[in-house]
Structures are given as structure tokens and as C-alpha cells.
């Protein structure tokens, strides 16, 4: 299931209209089960990042959201504050302390790009 298709909703719309509804879809099984809403509660996209996702036609699957969140958690465990997260020929700059994706780049945007103001990188 693609989270963002065609018209890109804001993270607030997704949270308000879909994820907070009773019976929201669960991702995973077993005692450590976490709802998709819980992932979005911990992983946020800034307005800038949301705009970049839309402008660059980046669509994230549920699995990619989970991996991005896991990468951000690993960065936090290592004491990284501002991280570059590389995933599936995409790059995300994240503020680990605020659990916020600051910007997103596709493979075309990454070419010959210099990433500054980061103190770590994670490949997921």
C-alpha cells in the first residue's frame, strides 16, 4: 500500500483522517505489535519535507516508513543529532532529537549533491 499516491496529503491530514481512527491497521504481529499510527506518531515530516516528497514524486510504502523510522532510532542510539538516511536510492535528512524528516531527495536530486550540517549517516 502506498501512503502517498497522486495527490499528496499533508501529514496532519493523514494523521487526523486515517491513522487516528479506531481500528487503525496494525503492522506486525506478536506481543511487540505496533500500529501504523504509532509509527507516524514517532516519525514526523516537516512542511519542507512534505513539499519535497510531493515535488519529487516520492511515494513511501509502509515498509519504507518502518525502515526510515528504524534508521532514525539507530541514529539516536549512536548519539547522532542530524542524520543522512539512505534508503532505496533516496536520501532523507532527519533531525533525530525531534524525530522529524527535514528533507527528502530522490536519486536524481542526490547526484553531485553535498550534504552539510549532519553528524552521521545511516543506510537502511
C-alpha atoms as a PDB file:
ATOM      1  CA  UNK A   1       0.000   0.000   0.000  1.00  0.00           C
ATOM      2  CA  UNK A   2       1.394   3.392  -0.938  1.00  0.00           C
ATOM      3  CA  UNK A   3       0.973   6.064   1.686  1.00  0.00           C
ATOM      4  CA  UNK A   4       1.305   8.871  -0.801  1.00  0.00           C
ATOM      5  CA  UNK A   5      -0.211   8.471  -4.246  1.00  0.00           C
ATOM      6  CA  UNK A   6      -1.364  11.049  -6.731  1.00  0.00           C
ATOM      7  CA  UNK A   7      -2.407  13.925  -4.522  1.00  0.00           C
ATOM      8  CA  UNK A   8      -0.033  14.133  -1.597  1.00  0.00           C
ATOM      9  CA  UNK A   9      -1.886  14.693   1.684  1.00  0.00           C
ATOM     10  CA  UNK A  10      -0.262  16.598   4.486  1.00  0.00           C
ATOM     11  CA  UNK A  11       0.957  14.575   7.434  1.00  0.00           C
ATOM     12  CA  UNK A  12      -1.724  16.267   9.522  1.00  0.00           C
ATOM     13  CA  UNK A  13      -4.439  15.047   7.123  1.00  0.00           C
ATOM     14  CA  UNK A  14      -3.080  11.525   7.209  1.00  0.00           C
ATOM     15  CA  UNK A  15      -2.894  11.544  10.979  1.00  0.00           C
ATOM     16  CA  UNK A  16      -6.306  13.140  11.504  1.00  0.00           C
ATOM     17  CA  UNK A  17      -8.258  11.374   8.783  1.00  0.00           C
ATOM     18  CA  UNK A  18      -6.780   7.896   8.722  1.00  0.00           C
ATOM     19  CA  UNK A  19      -4.363   6.914  11.400  1.00  0.00           C
ATOM     20  CA  UNK A  20      -6.250   8.048  14.500  1.00  0.00           C
ATOM     21  CA  UNK A  21      -9.438   6.190  13.536  1.00  0.00           C
ATOM     22  CA  UNK A  22     -10.471   3.316  15.792  1.00  0.00           C
ATOM     23  CA  UNK A  23      -9.213   0.027  14.443  1.00  0.00           C
ATOM     24  CA  UNK A  24      -6.293   1.517  12.521  1.00  0.00           C
ATOM     25  CA  UNK A  25      -4.308  -1.122  10.671  1.00  0.00           C
ATOM     26  CA  UNK A  26      -1.630  -2.894  12.677  1.00  0.00           C
ATOM     27  CA  UNK A  27       1.816  -3.515  11.226  1.00  0.00           C
ATOM     28  CA  UNK A  28       3.404  -6.610  12.584  1.00  0.00           C
ATOM     29  CA  UNK A  29       2.407  -9.448  14.808  1.00  0.00           C
ATOM     30  CA  UNK A  30       3.051 -10.730  18.259  1.00  0.00           C
ATOM     31  CA  UNK A  31       3.427  -9.028  21.587  1.00  0.00           C
ATOM     32  CA  UNK A  32       5.507  -6.167  20.146  1.00  0.00           C
ATOM     33  CA  UNK A  33       2.709  -5.188  17.775  1.00  0.00           C
ATOM     34  CA  UNK A  34       2.711  -1.520  16.853  1.00  0.00           C
ATOM     35  CA  UNK A  35       0.038   0.310  14.904  1.00  0.00           C
ATOM     36  CA  UNK A  36       0.909   2.258  11.799  1.00  0.00           C
ATOM     37  CA  UNK A  37      -0.401   5.308  13.677  1.00  0.00           C
ATOM     38  CA  UNK A  38       2.245   4.754  16.361  1.00  0.00           C
ATOM     39  CA  UNK A  39       4.978   4.859  13.717  1.00  0.00           C
ATOM     40  CA  UNK A  40       3.667   8.170  12.420  1.00  0.00           C
ATOM     41  CA  UNK A  41       3.346   9.490  15.969  1.00  0.00           C
ATOM     42  CA  UNK A  42       7.094   8.976  16.394  1.00  0.00           C
ATOM     43  CA  UNK A  43       8.151   9.858  12.817  1.00  0.00           C
ATOM     44  CA  UNK A  44       7.156  13.287  11.532  1.00  0.00           C
ATOM     45  CA  UNK A  45       7.696  15.098   8.250  1.00  0.00           C
ATOM     46  CA  UNK A  46       8.348  18.823   8.284  1.00  0.00           C
ATOM     47  CA  UNK A  47       6.356  21.015   5.919  1.00  0.00           C
ATOM     48  CA  UNK A  48       9.511  21.338   3.822  1.00  0.00           C
ATOM     49  CA  UNK A  49       9.964  17.553   3.648  1.00  0.00           C
ATOM     50  CA  UNK A  50       6.294  17.032   2.798  1.00  0.00           C
ATOM     51  CA  UNK A  51       6.622  19.547  -0.012  1.00  0.00           C
ATOM     52  CA  UNK A  52       9.794  17.863  -1.304  1.00  0.00           C
ATOM     53  CA  UNK A  53       8.109  14.452  -1.288  1.00  0.00           C
ATOM     54  CA  UNK A  54       5.304  15.850  -3.391  1.00  0.00           C
ATOM     55  CA  UNK A  55       7.537  17.889  -5.733  1.00  0.00           C
ATOM     56  CA  UNK A  56       9.865  14.960  -6.355  1.00  0.00           C
ATOM     57  CA  UNK A  57       7.098  12.356  -6.711  1.00  0.00           C
ATOM     58  CA  UNK A  58       8.476  10.289  -3.856  1.00  0.00           C
ATOM     59  CA  UNK A  59       5.990   7.706  -2.633  1.00  0.00           C
ATOM     60  CA  UNK A  60       6.797   5.783   0.529  1.00  0.00           C
ATOM     61  CA  UNK A  61       5.380   2.362   1.297  1.00  0.00           C
ATOM     62  CA  UNK A  62       4.501   1.219   4.778  1.00  0.00           C
ATOM     63  CA  UNK A  63       7.684  -0.879   4.793  1.00  0.00           C
ATOM     64  CA  UNK A  64       9.827   2.103   3.797  1.00  0.00           C
ATOM     65  CA  UNK A  65       8.276   4.222   6.561  1.00  0.00           C
ATOM     66  CA  UNK A  66       9.144   1.447   9.028  1.00  0.00           C
ATOM     67  CA  UNK A  67      12.745   1.292   7.749  1.00  0.00           C
ATOM     68  CA  UNK A  68      13.118   5.071   7.867  1.00  0.00           C
ATOM     69  CA  UNK A  69      11.852   5.090  11.438  1.00  0.00           C
ATOM     70  CA  UNK A  70      14.215   2.239  12.370  1.00  0.00           C
ATOM     71  CA  UNK A  71      17.129   4.142  10.831  1.00  0.00           C
ATOM     72  CA  UNK A  72      16.260   7.225  12.823  1.00  0.00           C
ATOM     73  CA  UNK A  73      16.105   5.159  16.006  1.00  0.00           C
ATOM     74  CA  UNK A  74      19.552   3.653  15.264  1.00  0.00           C
ATOM     75  CA  UNK A  75      20.932   7.139  14.707  1.00  0.00           C
ATOM     76  CA  UNK A  76      19.543   8.201  18.082  1.00  0.00           C
ATOM     77  CA  UNK A  77      21.134   5.197  19.791  1.00  0.00           C
ATOM     78  CA  UNK A  78      24.506   6.276  18.376  1.00  0.00           C
ATOM     79  CA  UNK A  79      24.085   9.857  19.586  1.00  0.00           C
ATOM     80  CA  UNK A  80      23.563  11.349  16.127  1.00  0.00           C
ATOM     81  CA  UNK A  81      21.613  14.611  16.062  1.00  0.00           C
ATOM     82  CA  UNK A  82      21.263  15.369  12.351  1.00  0.00           C
ATOM     83  CA  UNK A  83      21.469  12.297  10.146  1.00  0.00           C
ATOM     84  CA  UNK A  84      21.520  11.431   6.482  1.00  0.00           C
ATOM     85  CA  UNK A  85      19.409   8.298   5.982  1.00  0.00           C
ATOM     86  CA  UNK A  86      19.957   6.492   2.681  1.00  0.00           C
ATOM     87  CA  UNK A  87      17.259   4.081   1.532  1.00  0.00           C
ATOM     88  CA  UNK A  88      16.323   2.641  -1.864  1.00  0.00           C
ATOM     89  CA  UNK A  89      18.072   5.326  -3.933  1.00  0.00           C
ATOM     90  CA  UNK A  90      16.515   8.066  -1.794  1.00  0.00           C
ATOM     91  CA  UNK A  91      18.074  10.306   0.827  1.00  0.00           C
ATOM     92  CA  UNK A  92      16.460  11.846   3.881  1.00  0.00           C
ATOM     93  CA  UNK A  93      17.905  14.396   6.266  1.00  0.00           C
ATOM     94  CA  UNK A  94      16.421  13.827   9.701  1.00  0.00           C
ATOM     95  CA  UNK A  95      16.519  15.669  12.982  1.00  0.00           C
ATOM     96  CA  UNK A  96      16.848  12.711  15.318  1.00  0.00           C
ATOM     97  CA  UNK A  97      16.002  14.573  18.528  1.00  0.00           C
ATOM     98  CA  UNK A  98      12.645  15.705  17.111  1.00  0.00           C
ATOM     99  CA  UNK A  99      12.019  12.500  15.100  1.00  0.00           C
ATOM    100  CA  UNK A 100      11.462  14.716  12.091  1.00  0.00           C
ATOM    101  CA  UNK A 101      12.339  14.236   8.441  1.00  0.00           C
ATOM    102  CA  UNK A 102      13.618  17.632   7.313  1.00  0.00           C
ATOM    103  CA  UNK A 103      14.020  16.991   3.592  1.00  0.00           C
ATOM    104  CA  UNK A 104      13.892  14.190   1.055  1.00  0.00           C
ATOM    105  CA  UNK A 105      15.736  13.642  -2.197  1.00  0.00           C
ATOM    106  CA  UNK A 106      15.259  11.129  -4.987  1.00  0.00           C
ATOM    107  CA  UNK A 107      18.112   9.591  -6.967  1.00  0.00           C
ATOM    108  CA  UNK A 108      18.147  12.450  -9.498  1.00  0.00           C
ATOM    109  CA  UNK A 109      18.403  15.101  -6.773  1.00  0.00           C
ATOM    110  CA  UNK A 110      21.204  13.239  -4.967  1.00  0.00           C
ATOM    111  CA  UNK A 111      23.607  13.365  -7.908  1.00  0.00           C
ATOM    112  CA  UNK A 112      26.521  15.724  -7.270  1.00  0.00           C
ATOM    113  CA  UNK A 113      24.866  16.938  -4.080  1.00  0.00           C
ATOM    114  CA  UNK A 114      26.798  17.841  -0.938  1.00  0.00           C
ATOM    115  CA  UNK A 115      25.173  17.108   2.411  1.00  0.00           C
ATOM    116  CA  UNK A 116      26.113  19.550   5.157  1.00  0.00           C
ATOM    117  CA  UNK A 117      25.193  20.030   8.801  1.00  0.00           C
ATOM    118  CA  UNK A 118      24.917  16.309   9.506  1.00  0.00           C
ATOM    119  CA  UNK A 119      26.856  14.382  12.112  1.00  0.00           C
ATOM    120  CA  UNK A 120      26.129  10.861  10.927  1.00  0.00           C
ATOM    121  CA  UNK A 121      24.708   8.687   8.180  1.00  0.00           C
ATOM    122  CA  UNK A 122      22.613   5.528   8.251  1.00  0.00           C
ATOM    123  CA  UNK A 123      21.944   3.148   5.364  1.00  0.00           C
ATOM    124  CA  UNK A 124      18.693   1.205   5.742  1.00  0.00           C
END
